[in-house]
Amino acid sequence: MLESKLPELVELERLIDKAAQASIPLEVRSECEIPMQGRALPVYSLALGNPSPDVPAVGFFGGIHGLERIGTQVLLSFLSGLLARLRWDHLLHQQLDKVRLVFMPLINPGGMWLSSRSNPQGVDLMRNAPVEAIDKVPFLLGGQRISPRLPWFRGAAGMPMEIENRALCRVVEGELLVRKFSIALDCHSGFGLRDRIWFPHAHTIRPIAHLPDICALEDLFSQTHPNHNYVFEPQSRQYLTHGDIWDYLYLRSSHDAEQVFLPLTLEMGSWLWVKKNPRQLLSLQGMFNPVARHRLQRVLRSHTVWLDFLARAACGHQNWLPRGLERDRHEQLAYARWYPAAQRF
């Protein structure tokens, strides 16, 4: 029954077992367990690479919304490839001496079990953090406390974050925010006809302090992979929300002026899959995930380049992170690119 309900969890545990049998140093922890129909569904964190806080890190996260299985599948495909390469790829071993790679591929297994965007308590984990929007948010979509029976429920006022979010924060704070440089990538689907890379803020239209660093990262990716099809933009350019977990974690990192933490969201454009196969509208799964086998394979292949790039960019961050006049130049470029009608905040 578990296999038919949660093949992603079965695949994740298969990869864990496979790494253990091959004596691959994959660090595995069960961060919490979600009770579901007599079972306890684990929320795993996994790590590869140098644990020293002196090296940079990249965190890969998925499955926050249970309906968006493709985010988890992309991460499992990438992780599977890394584990396979560790058997023969000497350069990958050298890379992992200089970077820490952290994975939480399935943060909301209860929601995925139920085919629900929310967790089993009806809470949208991307509206659940203790962050109140400064600027106006859209009704309901921006997060609501009316009822868990309505979408985008934030949770009851005054209650702690949901257990899944507490586990996510514990991993981010323990693995990423202890370092001078780190990147987080959270994989989602369901918005638009293009794949987008979003960055904070979601609670305000004001740009983040690390806007020049985001701009430099985009330029680096575009120079390295000039034929990519991603749209880079602040999430606030599309809509604002209360309770964004990445805004919350970014704000927690901002007390250290020397720390660079870049939380990114890969928002895969599922409308394109629906456009190519309108019958997908007949199911909730079809609205958020590619159904045709060849299309699924194409999606799993296409994002590997981006994920691998982030690991390499973290390794070499001292060579591209802008400083001095170069930082000023990238700030000007970023304002022209993403805030052209706004005066400096």
Protein backbone atom coordinates (compact mmCIF):
# COMPACT_ATOMS: atom_id res chain seq x y z
CA MET A 1 0.00 0.00 0.00
CA LEU A 2 2.81 2.40 0.84
CA GLU A 3 4.50 1.74 -2.50
CA SER A 4 1.34 2.49 -4.45
CA LYS A 5 0.69 5.66 -2.45
CA LEU A 6 4.18 7.08 -2.12
CA PRO A 7 6.56 5.74 -4.77
CA GLU A 8 8.79 8.78 -4.14
CA LEU A 9 9.36 7.73 -0.52
CA VAL A 10 10.04 4.16 -1.65
CA GLU A 11 12.60 5.45 -4.17
CA LEU A 12 14.24 7.68 -1.57
CA GLU A 13 14.64 4.77 0.85
CA ARG A 14 15.94 2.60 -1.99
CA LEU A 15 18.65 5.19 -2.67
CA ILE A 16 19.53 5.31 1.03
CA ASP A 17 19.89 1.51 1.13
CA LYS A 18 21.86 1.49 -2.11
CA ALA A 19 24.32 4.07 -0.75
CA ALA A 20 24.80 2.05 2.43
CA GLN A 21 25.46 -1.16 0.49
CA ALA A 22 28.04 0.64 -1.65
CA SER A 23 29.68 2.21 1.44
CA ILE A 24 28.96 5.70 0.09
CA PRO A 25 29.24 8.25 2.93
CA LEU A 26 25.67 9.51 2.65
CA GLU A 27 24.58 10.95 5.98
CA VAL A 28 20.93 10.22 6.69
CA ARG A 29 18.65 11.50 9.42
CA SER A 30 14.95 11.17 10.07
CA GLU A 31 14.07 14.72 11.11
CA CYS A 32 10.50 13.91 12.15
CA GLU A 33 7.70 11.46 11.47
CA ILE A 34 4.21 12.18 10.18
CA PRO A 35 1.49 9.80 11.41
CA MET A 36 -0.72 8.73 8.54
CA GLN A 37 -3.30 5.94 8.57
CA GLY A 38 -1.45 3.80 11.07
CA ARG A 39 1.96 4.50 9.57
CA ALA A 40 4.74 6.91 10.46
CA LEU A 41 6.02 8.64 7.34
CA PRO A 42 9.60 9.87 7.86
CA VAL A 43 10.89 13.24 6.74
CA TYR A 44 14.50 12.56 5.79
CA SER A 45 17.48 14.82 5.47
CA LEU A 46 20.55 13.58 3.61
CA ALA A 47 23.99 15.08 3.21
CA LEU A 48 27.08 14.50 1.08
CA GLY A 49 30.42 16.22 1.22
CA ASN A 50 32.56 18.10 3.67
CA PRO A 51 30.76 18.79 6.99
CA SER A 52 33.14 21.58 7.99
CA PRO A 53 31.39 24.95 8.43
CA ASP A 54 34.34 26.51 6.62
CA VAL A 55 33.13 25.20 3.24
CA PRO A 56 30.04 26.45 1.35
CA ALA A 57 26.84 24.43 1.08
CA VAL A 58 23.85 23.96 -1.18
CA GLY A 59 20.52 22.68 0.13
CA PHE A 60 18.03 21.02 -2.23
CA PHE A 61 14.42 20.88 -0.99
CA GLY A 62 11.22 19.48 -2.46
CA GLY A 63 7.80 18.09 -1.73
CA ILE A 64 6.63 21.01 0.42
CA HIS A 65 3.36 20.90 -1.51
CA GLY A 66 2.12 17.33 -1.67
CA LEU A 67 0.51 17.76 -5.08
CA GLU A 68 3.77 18.84 -6.70
CA ARG A 69 5.45 15.45 -6.94
CA ILE A 70 7.70 16.54 -9.80
CA GLY A 71 9.86 18.63 -7.44
CA THR A 72 10.65 15.54 -5.37
CA GLN A 73 11.21 13.48 -8.51
CA VAL A 74 13.70 16.00 -9.92
CA LEU A 75 15.73 15.87 -6.70
CA LEU A 76 15.64 12.08 -6.50
CA SER A 77 16.85 11.85 -10.10
CA PHE A 78 19.71 14.25 -9.38
CA LEU A 79 20.65 12.46 -6.14
CA SER A 80 20.57 9.09 -7.89
CA GLY A 81 23.00 10.39 -10.50
CA LEU A 82 25.36 11.72 -7.84
CA LEU A 83 25.41 8.42 -5.98
CA ALA A 84 26.11 6.54 -9.21
CA ARG A 85 28.96 8.89 -10.10
CA LEU A 86 30.58 8.52 -6.70
CA ARG A 87 31.57 4.98 -7.69
CA TRP A 88 33.87 6.19 -10.47
CA ASP A 89 34.02 10.00 -10.71
CA HIS A 90 37.24 11.16 -9.06
CA LEU A 91 36.48 14.81 -9.83
CA LEU A 92 33.16 14.57 -7.98
CA HIS A 93 35.01 13.29 -4.90
CA GLN A 94 37.33 16.29 -5.14
CA GLN A 95 34.34 18.61 -5.49
CA LEU A 96 32.69 17.16 -2.38
CA ASP A 97 35.83 17.98 -0.38
CA LYS A 98 35.01 21.64 -1.06
CA VAL A 99 31.23 21.76 -0.70
CA ARG A 100 28.39 20.33 1.37
CA LEU A 101 25.27 19.09 -0.43
CA VAL A 102 22.13 18.71 1.67
CA PHE A 103 18.84 17.15 0.52
CA MET A 104 15.30 17.15 1.87
CA PRO A 105 13.45 15.73 -1.15
CA LEU A 106 10.12 15.00 0.55
CA ILE A 107 9.22 17.51 3.25
CA ASN A 108 5.46 16.91 3.22
CA PRO A 109 4.95 13.14 2.84
CA GLY A 110 1.53 13.34 4.50
CA GLY A 111 0.31 15.85 1.93
CA MET A 112 1.69 13.74 -0.90
CA TRP A 113 -0.03 10.67 0.55
CA LEU A 114 -3.32 12.58 0.53
CA SER A 115 -2.67 14.22 -2.88
CA SER A 116 -3.04 17.57 -1.13
CA ARG A 117 -1.16 20.82 -1.45
CA SER A 118 -1.31 21.20 2.35
CA ASN A 119 -0.07 18.92 5.10
CA PRO A 120 -2.50 16.52 6.85
CA GLN A 121 -3.60 19.35 9.18
CA GLY A 122 -4.70 21.40 6.18
CA VAL A 123 -1.86 23.91 6.56
CA ASP A 124 -0.03 25.26 3.51
CA LEU A 125 3.60 25.02 4.60
CA MET A 126 4.55 27.94 2.34
CA ARG A 127 2.17 30.23 4.24
CA ASN A 128 2.99 28.96 7.74
CA ALA A 129 6.10 30.87 8.85
CA PRO A 130 5.82 33.77 11.33
CA VAL A 131 6.23 36.50 8.70
CA GLU A 132 3.54 39.10 8.07
CA ALA A 133 3.41 40.77 4.68
CA ILE A 134 4.27 44.45 4.71
CA ASP A 135 2.61 45.14 1.38
CA LYS A 136 -0.83 44.08 0.19
CA VAL A 137 -1.36 40.40 -0.58
CA PRO A 138 -4.04 38.88 -2.84
CA PHE A 139 -7.14 37.56 -1.06
CA LEU A 140 -6.78 33.91 -0.01
CA LEU A 141 -3.74 33.30 -2.25
CA GLY A 142 -1.61 35.45 0.02
CA GLY A 143 -2.44 33.24 2.99
CA GLN A 144 -5.60 33.04 5.11
CA ARG A 145 -6.58 32.00 8.64
CA ILE A 146 -10.29 31.50 7.91
CA SER A 147 -10.34 27.71 7.61
CA PRO A 148 -8.14 24.71 6.74
CA ARG A 149 -10.91 23.70 4.33
CA LEU A 150 -9.94 26.62 2.12
CA PRO A 151 -6.66 26.69 0.18
CA TRP A 152 -3.59 28.57 1.40
CA PHE A 153 -4.45 28.16 5.11
CA ARG A 154 -1.67 29.62 7.26
CA GLY A 155 -2.52 27.80 10.47
CA ALA A 156 -4.21 29.22 13.56
CA ALA A 157 -2.83 32.50 14.90
CA GLY A 158 -0.35 32.09 17.74
CA MET A 159 0.39 28.44 17.02
CA PRO A 160 3.95 27.22 16.37
CA MET A 161 5.01 26.30 12.87
CA GLU A 162 4.00 22.87 11.64
CA ILE A 163 6.33 19.98 12.42
CA GLU A 164 7.47 19.73 8.79
CA ASN A 165 8.51 23.38 8.74
CA ARG A 166 10.27 23.06 12.08
CA ALA A 167 12.27 20.17 10.61
CA LEU A 168 13.09 22.23 7.52
CA CYS A 169 14.25 25.17 9.63
CA ARG A 170 16.35 22.90 11.81
CA VAL A 171 18.18 21.53 8.76
CA VAL A 172 18.67 24.95 7.14
CA GLU A 173 19.91 26.52 10.36
CA GLY A 174 22.19 23.60 11.19
CA GLU A 175 23.62 22.98 7.72
CA LEU A 176 23.37 26.23 5.73
CA LEU A 177 23.21 29.21 8.08
CA VAL A 178 26.35 28.15 9.95
CA ARG A 179 28.39 28.93 6.82
CA LYS A 180 29.59 32.14 5.23
CA PHE A 181 28.10 31.13 1.89
CA SER A 182 25.16 28.90 1.11
CA ILE A 183 22.39 28.45 -1.43
CA ALA A 184 18.98 26.83 -0.98
CA LEU A 185 16.87 25.60 -3.88
CA ASP A 186 13.23 24.68 -3.25
CA CYS A 187 11.54 22.81 -6.12
CA HIS A 188 7.88 23.53 -6.97
CA SER A 189 5.55 23.42 -9.96
CA GLY A 190 2.32 24.99 -11.08
CA PHE A 191 2.91 28.55 -12.26
CA GLY A 192 2.97 29.78 -15.85
CA LEU A 193 4.36 28.54 -19.14
CA ARG A 194 8.02 29.12 -18.26
CA ASP A 195 10.35 27.66 -15.65
CA ARG A 196 11.19 30.39 -13.18
CA ILE A 197 13.86 30.94 -10.57
CA TRP A 198 12.33 33.02 -7.80
CA PHE A 199 14.13 34.69 -4.94
CA PRO A 200 12.87 36.70 -1.92
CA HIS A 201 11.09 38.71 -0.94
CA ALA A 202 7.56 37.31 -0.92
CA HIS A 203 6.24 39.46 1.94
CA THR A 204 7.24 42.84 0.49
CA ILE A 205 8.15 44.44 -2.81
CA ARG A 206 11.40 45.68 -1.27
CA PRO A 207 14.50 44.00 -2.74
CA ILE A 208 16.76 41.82 -0.64
CA ALA A 209 20.18 43.01 0.50
CA HIS A 210 21.86 40.34 -1.65
CA LEU A 211 20.28 41.51 -4.88
CA PRO A 212 23.72 42.08 -6.52
CA ASP A 213 24.71 38.50 -5.64
CA ILE A 214 21.55 37.11 -7.24
CA CYS A 215 22.22 39.20 -10.33
CA ALA A 216 25.81 37.94 -10.51
CA LEU A 217 24.60 34.34 -10.12
CA GLU A 218 22.12 34.73 -12.99
CA ASP A 219 24.77 36.30 -15.21
CA LEU A 220 27.17 33.48 -14.36
CA PHE A 221 24.58 30.86 -15.29
CA SER A 222 23.66 32.65 -18.52
CA GLN A 223 27.31 32.87 -19.53
CA THR A 224 27.90 29.22 -18.70
CA HIS A 225 24.65 27.95 -20.24
CA PRO A 226 23.57 30.62 -22.75
CA ASN A 227 20.67 28.57 -24.13
CA HIS A 228 18.81 28.10 -20.85
CA ASN A 229 15.12 28.93 -20.64
CA TYR A 230 14.73 30.06 -17.02
CA VAL A 231 13.21 33.38 -16.00
CA PHE A 232 14.94 34.86 -12.95
CA GLU A 233 12.84 37.27 -10.89
CA PRO A 234 11.82 38.20 -7.35
CA GLN A 235 8.68 36.37 -6.26
CA SER A 236 7.13 39.73 -5.40
CA ARG A 237 6.99 40.47 -9.11
CA GLN A 238 4.19 37.87 -9.40
CA TYR A 239 2.41 37.96 -6.03
CA LEU A 240 2.99 38.57 -2.33
CA THR A 241 2.22 36.25 0.57
CA HIS A 242 2.20 36.01 4.32
CA GLY A 243 4.22 33.31 6.01
CA ASP A 244 6.81 32.49 3.34
CA ILE A 245 9.27 30.05 4.88
CA TRP A 246 12.22 31.27 2.78
CA ASP A 247 11.60 34.90 3.68
CA TYR A 248 11.61 33.78 7.32
CA LEU A 249 14.92 31.93 6.99
CA TYR A 250 16.49 34.69 4.91
CA LEU A 251 15.56 37.27 7.54
CA ARG A 252 17.07 35.04 10.23
CA SER A 253 20.36 35.03 8.32
CA SER A 254 20.47 38.80 7.87
CA HIS A 255 21.90 39.55 11.32
CA ASP A 256 25.36 38.57 10.02
CA ALA A 257 26.48 41.12 7.45
CA GLU A 258 29.30 38.84 6.25
CA GLN A 259 27.02 35.88 5.61
CA VAL A 260 25.61 35.23 2.13
CA PHE A 261 22.52 33.01 2.07
CA LEU A 262 20.69 32.85 -1.25
CA PRO A 263 17.32 31.06 -1.05
CA LEU A 264 15.95 30.26 -4.51
CA THR A 265 12.77 28.59 -5.73
CA LEU A 266 12.56 26.57 -8.93
CA GLU A 267 8.96 27.09 -10.05
CA MET A 268 8.41 24.69 -12.94
CA GLY A 269 5.84 25.96 -15.43
CA SER A 270 3.21 23.22 -15.37
CA TRP A 271 0.84 25.22 -17.60
CA LEU A 272 3.08 24.21 -20.50
CA TRP A 273 2.46 20.53 -19.80
CA VAL A 274 -1.28 21.19 -19.63
CA LYS A 275 -1.15 23.20 -22.86
CA LYS A 276 0.47 20.27 -24.64
CA ASN A 277 -1.97 17.78 -23.11
CA PRO A 278 -5.23 19.50 -22.00
CA ARG A 279 -6.56 16.21 -20.66
CA GLN A 280 -4.27 16.72 -17.69
CA LEU A 281 -6.82 19.26 -16.41
CA LEU A 282 -9.08 16.33 -15.58
CA SER A 283 -6.96 15.46 -12.52
CA LEU A 284 -5.26 17.42 -9.75
CA GLN A 285 -2.03 15.53 -10.34
CA GLY A 286 -2.13 16.45 -14.02
CA MET A 287 -2.34 20.15 -13.21
CA PHE A 288 1.01 20.10 -11.41
CA ASN A 289 3.01 17.22 -12.89
CA PRO A 290 3.94 15.98 -16.36
CA VAL A 291 1.92 12.86 -17.16
CA ALA A 292 3.38 11.61 -20.45
CA ARG A 293 6.45 9.47 -19.85
CA HIS A 294 8.61 11.21 -22.44
CA ARG A 295 7.72 14.60 -20.99
CA LEU A 296 8.56 13.47 -17.46
CA GLN A 297 11.94 12.20 -18.65
CA ARG A 298 12.61 15.50 -20.41
CA VAL A 299 11.83 17.46 -17.23
CA LEU A 300 14.05 15.23 -15.10
CA ARG A 301 16.92 15.68 -17.56
CA SER A 302 16.57 19.39 -18.11
CA HIS A 303 16.92 20.56 -14.51
CA THR A 304 20.01 18.47 -13.76
CA VAL A 305 22.12 21.16 -15.44
CA TRP A 306 20.78 23.84 -13.07
CA LEU A 307 21.22 21.72 -9.94
CA ASP A 308 24.76 20.73 -10.88
CA PHE A 309 25.57 24.36 -11.68
CA LEU A 310 24.54 25.45 -8.19
CA ALA A 311 26.89 22.95 -6.58
CA ARG A 312 29.76 24.18 -8.76
CA ALA A 313 28.87 27.84 -8.23
CA ALA A 314 28.96 27.33 -4.47
CA CYS A 315 32.41 25.72 -4.73
CA GLY A 316 33.75 28.67 -6.68
CA HIS A 317 31.73 31.46 -5.07
CA GLN A 318 34.82 33.48 -4.17
CA ASN A 319 35.62 33.77 -7.88
CA TRP A 320 32.30 35.32 -8.96
CA LEU A 321 30.71 36.92 -5.89
CA PRO A 322 30.80 40.66 -6.67
CA ARG A 323 32.76 43.05 -4.47
CA GLY A 324 33.50 46.76 -4.43
CA LEU A 325 32.75 48.54 -7.69
CA GLU A 326 31.67 45.28 -9.29
CA ARG A 327 29.03 44.88 -6.62
CA ASP A 328 27.77 48.41 -7.30
CA ARG A 329 27.57 47.58 -10.99
CA HIS A 330 25.54 44.43 -10.36
CA GLU A 331 23.21 46.33 -8.05
CA GLN A 332 22.52 48.82 -10.84
CA LEU A 333 21.96 45.97 -13.29
CA ALA A 334 19.61 44.24 -10.84
CA TYR A 335 17.47 47.34 -10.33
CA ALA A 336 17.24 47.88 -14.08
CA ARG A 337 16.34 44.22 -14.60
CA TRP A 338 13.80 43.67 -11.83
CA TYR A 339 12.75 47.05 -10.41
CA PRO A 340 12.86 49.40 -13.42
CA ALA A 341 9.93 51.57 -12.35
CA ALA A 342 10.94 51.89 -8.71
CA GLN A 343 13.12 54.41 -7.01
CA ARG A 344 15.75 53.10 -4.62
CA PHE A 345 14.12 51.88 -1.43
